[in-house]
Amino acid sequence: MLQFTLSDPRLKMVSVTGVDVSRDLSHAKVFFTQMGVDDAQAAAATTAALDRASGFLRSEIARTATLRTVPKLRFCFDESVGRGRAMEALIRDVRAADSELGDQPDSPEGD
């Protein structure tokens, strides 16, 4: 629905990474990420656009799903993807530094 139904250009390249639904199905916290968005300001703009579209999304879910109640949707930017990329970059840097140290000859001890 996010890719094909909504026409807001701020919602392009949005991926849902997870959903936490309350036991009574009255609330759902929808975690999302967006390709190319790493700063808090852009994430906030996307979250605001999704919050504005939540009523339409709920009505579409109600129309297509057979649920007694449709949960109220709350959108949260998933920062774990960005943190994972940052960790991968750190590991890559450490491996490069280790390989550079491994190429250097050992210094004689006791000098």
C-alpha atoms as a PDB file:
ATOM      1  CA  MET A   1       0.000   0.000   0.000  1.00  0.00           C
ATOM      2  CA  LEU A   2       2.815   2.429   0.828  1.00  0.00           C
ATOM      3  CA  GLN A   3       4.441   2.046  -2.567  1.00  0.00           C
ATOM      4  CA  PHE A   4       1.455   1.811  -4.870  1.00  0.00           C
ATOM      5  CA  THR A   5      -1.534   3.436  -3.174  1.00  0.00           C
ATOM      6  CA  LEU A   6      -0.096   6.570  -1.571  1.00  0.00           C
ATOM      7  CA  SER A   7       1.050   9.328  -3.916  1.00  0.00           C
ATOM      8  CA  ASP A   8       3.113  11.352  -1.430  1.00  0.00           C
ATOM      9  CA  PRO A   9       6.680  11.682  -2.799  1.00  0.00           C
ATOM     10  CA  ARG A  10       8.069  11.747   0.761  1.00  0.00           C
ATOM     11  CA  LEU A  11       6.966   8.138   1.157  1.00  0.00           C
ATOM     12  CA  LYS A  12       8.973   6.698  -1.713  1.00  0.00           C
ATOM     13  CA  MET A  13      11.504   4.038  -0.791  1.00  0.00           C
ATOM     14  CA  VAL A  14       9.867   3.398   2.604  1.00  0.00           C
ATOM     15  CA  SER A  15      10.130  -0.145   3.932  1.00  0.00           C
ATOM     16  CA  VAL A  16       8.287  -1.551   6.925  1.00  0.00           C
ATOM     17  CA  THR A  17      10.789  -3.354   9.160  1.00  0.00           C
ATOM     18  CA  GLY A  18       8.458  -4.522  11.900  1.00  0.00           C
ATOM     19  CA  VAL A  19       5.107  -4.134  13.613  1.00  0.00           C
ATOM     20  CA  ASP A  20       4.276  -4.475  17.297  1.00  0.00           C
ATOM     21  CA  VAL A  21       0.556  -5.011  17.877  1.00  0.00           C
ATOM     22  CA  SER A  22      -1.112  -4.765  21.275  1.00  0.00           C
ATOM     23  CA  ARG A  23      -2.873  -7.840  22.635  1.00  0.00           C
ATOM     24  CA  ASP A  24      -6.320  -6.384  22.039  1.00  0.00           C
ATOM     25  CA  LEU A  25      -5.365  -5.291  18.485  1.00  0.00           C
ATOM     26  CA  SER A  26      -6.279  -1.680  19.257  1.00  0.00           C
ATOM     27  CA  HIS A  27      -2.807  -0.220  18.648  1.00  0.00           C
ATOM     28  CA  ALA A  28       0.032  -1.044  16.288  1.00  0.00           C
ATOM     29  CA  LYS A  29       3.489   0.468  16.324  1.00  0.00           C
ATOM     30  CA  VAL A  30       4.846   0.296  12.769  1.00  0.00           C
ATOM     31  CA  PHE A  31       8.626   0.506  12.423  1.00  0.00           C
ATOM     32  CA  PHE A  32       9.950   1.715   9.086  1.00  0.00           C
ATOM     33  CA  THR A  33      13.121   2.740   7.362  1.00  0.00           C
ATOM     34  CA  GLN A  34      13.695   4.770   4.247  1.00  0.00           C
ATOM     35  CA  MET A  35      16.506   4.378   1.791  1.00  0.00           C
ATOM     36  CA  GLY A  36      18.802   7.392   1.788  1.00  0.00           C
ATOM     37  CA  VAL A  37      17.450   8.834   5.047  1.00  0.00           C
ATOM     38  CA  ASP A  38      19.924   8.969   7.901  1.00  0.00           C
ATOM     39  CA  ASP A  39      19.213  12.275   9.622  1.00  0.00           C
ATOM     40  CA  ALA A  40      16.547  12.910  12.227  1.00  0.00           C
ATOM     41  CA  GLN A  41      14.922  15.794  10.345  1.00  0.00           C
ATOM     42  CA  ALA A  42      14.182  13.725   7.222  1.00  0.00           C
ATOM     43  CA  ALA A  43      12.964  10.832   9.372  1.00  0.00           C
ATOM     44  CA  ALA A  44      10.619  13.201  11.213  1.00  0.00           C
ATOM     45  CA  ALA A  45       9.202  14.488   7.912  1.00  0.00           C
ATOM     46  CA  THR A  46       8.543  10.934   6.730  1.00  0.00           C
ATOM     47  CA  THR A  47       6.974  10.027  10.076  1.00  0.00           C
ATOM     48  CA  ALA A  48       4.683  13.052   9.853  1.00  0.00           C
ATOM     49  CA  ALA A  49       3.627  12.091   6.318  1.00  0.00           C
ATOM     50  CA  LEU A  50       2.874   8.536   7.434  1.00  0.00           C
ATOM     51  CA  ASP A  51       0.921   9.796  10.444  1.00  0.00           C
ATOM     52  CA  ARG A  52      -1.195  11.945   8.112  1.00  0.00           C
ATOM     53  CA  ALA A  53      -1.853   8.917   5.903  1.00  0.00           C
ATOM     54  CA  SER A  54      -2.662   6.593   8.824  1.00  0.00           C
ATOM     55  CA  GLY A  55      -6.426   7.133   8.581  1.00  0.00           C
ATOM     56  CA  PHE A  56      -6.418   6.190   4.902  1.00  0.00           C
ATOM     57  CA  LEU A  57      -4.183   3.189   5.606  1.00  0.00           C
ATOM     58  CA  ARG A  58      -6.509   2.022   8.388  1.00  0.00           C
ATOM     59  CA  SER A  59      -9.513   2.239   6.081  1.00  0.00           C
ATOM     60  CA  GLU A  60      -7.663   0.229   3.425  1.00  0.00           C
ATOM     61  CA  ILE A  61      -6.711  -2.399   6.006  1.00  0.00           C
ATOM     62  CA  ALA A  62     -10.325  -2.548   7.203  1.00  0.00           C
ATOM     63  CA  ARG A  63     -11.510  -2.993   3.631  1.00  0.00           C
ATOM     64  CA  THR A  64      -9.104  -5.823   2.794  1.00  0.00           C
ATOM     65  CA  ALA A  65      -8.667  -7.646   6.125  1.00  0.00           C
ATOM     66  CA  THR A  66     -11.265  -9.481   8.141  1.00  0.00           C
ATOM     67  CA  LEU A  67     -10.556  -7.989  11.543  1.00  0.00           C
ATOM     68  CA  ARG A  68     -13.085  -7.037  14.184  1.00  0.00           C
ATOM     69  CA  THR A  69     -11.128  -3.878  14.938  1.00  0.00           C
ATOM     70  CA  VAL A  70      -8.378  -2.224  12.935  1.00  0.00           C
ATOM     71  CA  PRO A  71      -5.499  -1.024  15.084  1.00  0.00           C
ATOM     72  CA  LYS A  72      -4.613   2.635  15.414  1.00  0.00           C
ATOM     73  CA  LEU A  73      -1.314   3.007  13.570  1.00  0.00           C
ATOM     74  CA  ARG A  74       1.672   4.784  15.077  1.00  0.00           C
ATOM     75  CA  PHE A  75       4.795   5.087  12.941  1.00  0.00           C
ATOM     76  CA  CYS A  76       8.354   5.020  14.305  1.00  0.00           C
ATOM     77  CA  PHE A  77      11.570   5.396  12.324  1.00  0.00           C
ATOM     78  CA  ASP A  78      13.696   2.271  12.785  1.00  0.00           C
ATOM     79  CA  GLU A  79      17.196   3.466  13.597  1.00  0.00           C
ATOM     80  CA  SER A  80      18.612  -0.055  13.912  1.00  0.00           C
ATOM     81  CA  VAL A  81      19.324  -0.277  10.178  1.00  0.00           C
ATOM     82  CA  GLY A  82      21.480   2.865  10.287  1.00  0.00           C
ATOM     83  CA  ARG A  83      23.218   1.690  13.454  1.00  0.00           C
ATOM     84  CA  GLY A  84      23.938  -1.637  11.756  1.00  0.00           C
ATOM     85  CA  ARG A  85      25.506   0.134   8.773  1.00  0.00           C
ATOM     86  CA  ALA A  86      27.618   2.253  11.124  1.00  0.00           C
ATOM     87  CA  MET A  87      28.793  -0.879  12.966  1.00  0.00           C
ATOM     88  CA  GLU A  88      29.688  -2.558   9.673  1.00  0.00           C
ATOM     89  CA  ALA A  89      31.747   0.505   8.700  1.00  0.00           C
ATOM     90  CA  LEU A  90      33.574   0.418  12.045  1.00  0.00           C
ATOM     91  CA  ILE A  91      34.348  -3.279  11.646  1.00  0.00           C
ATOM     92  CA  ARG A  92      35.564  -2.679   8.091  1.00  0.00           C
ATOM     93  CA  ASP A  93      37.851   0.129   9.344  1.00  0.00           C
ATOM     94  CA  VAL A  94      39.260  -2.052  12.122  1.00  0.00           C
ATOM     95  CA  ARG A  95      39.933  -4.916   9.701  1.00  0.00           C
ATOM     96  CA  ALA A  96      41.718  -2.527   7.326  1.00  0.00           C
ATOM     97  CA  ALA A  97      43.826  -1.165  10.196  1.00  0.00           C
ATOM     98  CA  ASP A  98      44.630  -4.699  11.358  1.00  0.00           C
ATOM     99  CA  SER A  99      45.691  -5.769   7.888  1.00  0.00           C
ATOM    100  CA  GLU A 100      47.968  -2.703   7.613  1.00  0.00           C
ATOM    101  CA  LEU A 101      49.576  -3.546  10.956  1.00  0.00           C
ATOM    102  CA  GLY A 102      49.964  -7.153   9.882  1.00  0.00           C
ATOM    103  CA  ASP A 103      51.920  -6.106   6.771  1.00  0.00           C
ATOM    104  CA  GLN A 104      54.504  -4.160   8.808  1.00  0.00           C
ATOM    105  CA  PRO A 105      57.570  -6.038  10.006  1.00  0.00           C
ATOM    106  CA  ASP A 106      57.737  -6.716  13.721  1.00  0.00           C
ATOM    107  CA  SER A 107      59.936  -4.319  15.628  1.00  0.00           C
ATOM    108  CA  PRO A 108      62.744  -6.036  17.513  1.00  0.00           C
ATOM    109  CA  GLU A 109      62.104  -6.234  21.202  1.00  0.00           C
ATOM    110  CA  GLY A 110      64.549  -4.798  23.670  1.00  0.00           C
ATOM    111  CA  ASP A 111      65.791  -1.948  21.440  1.00  0.00           C
END
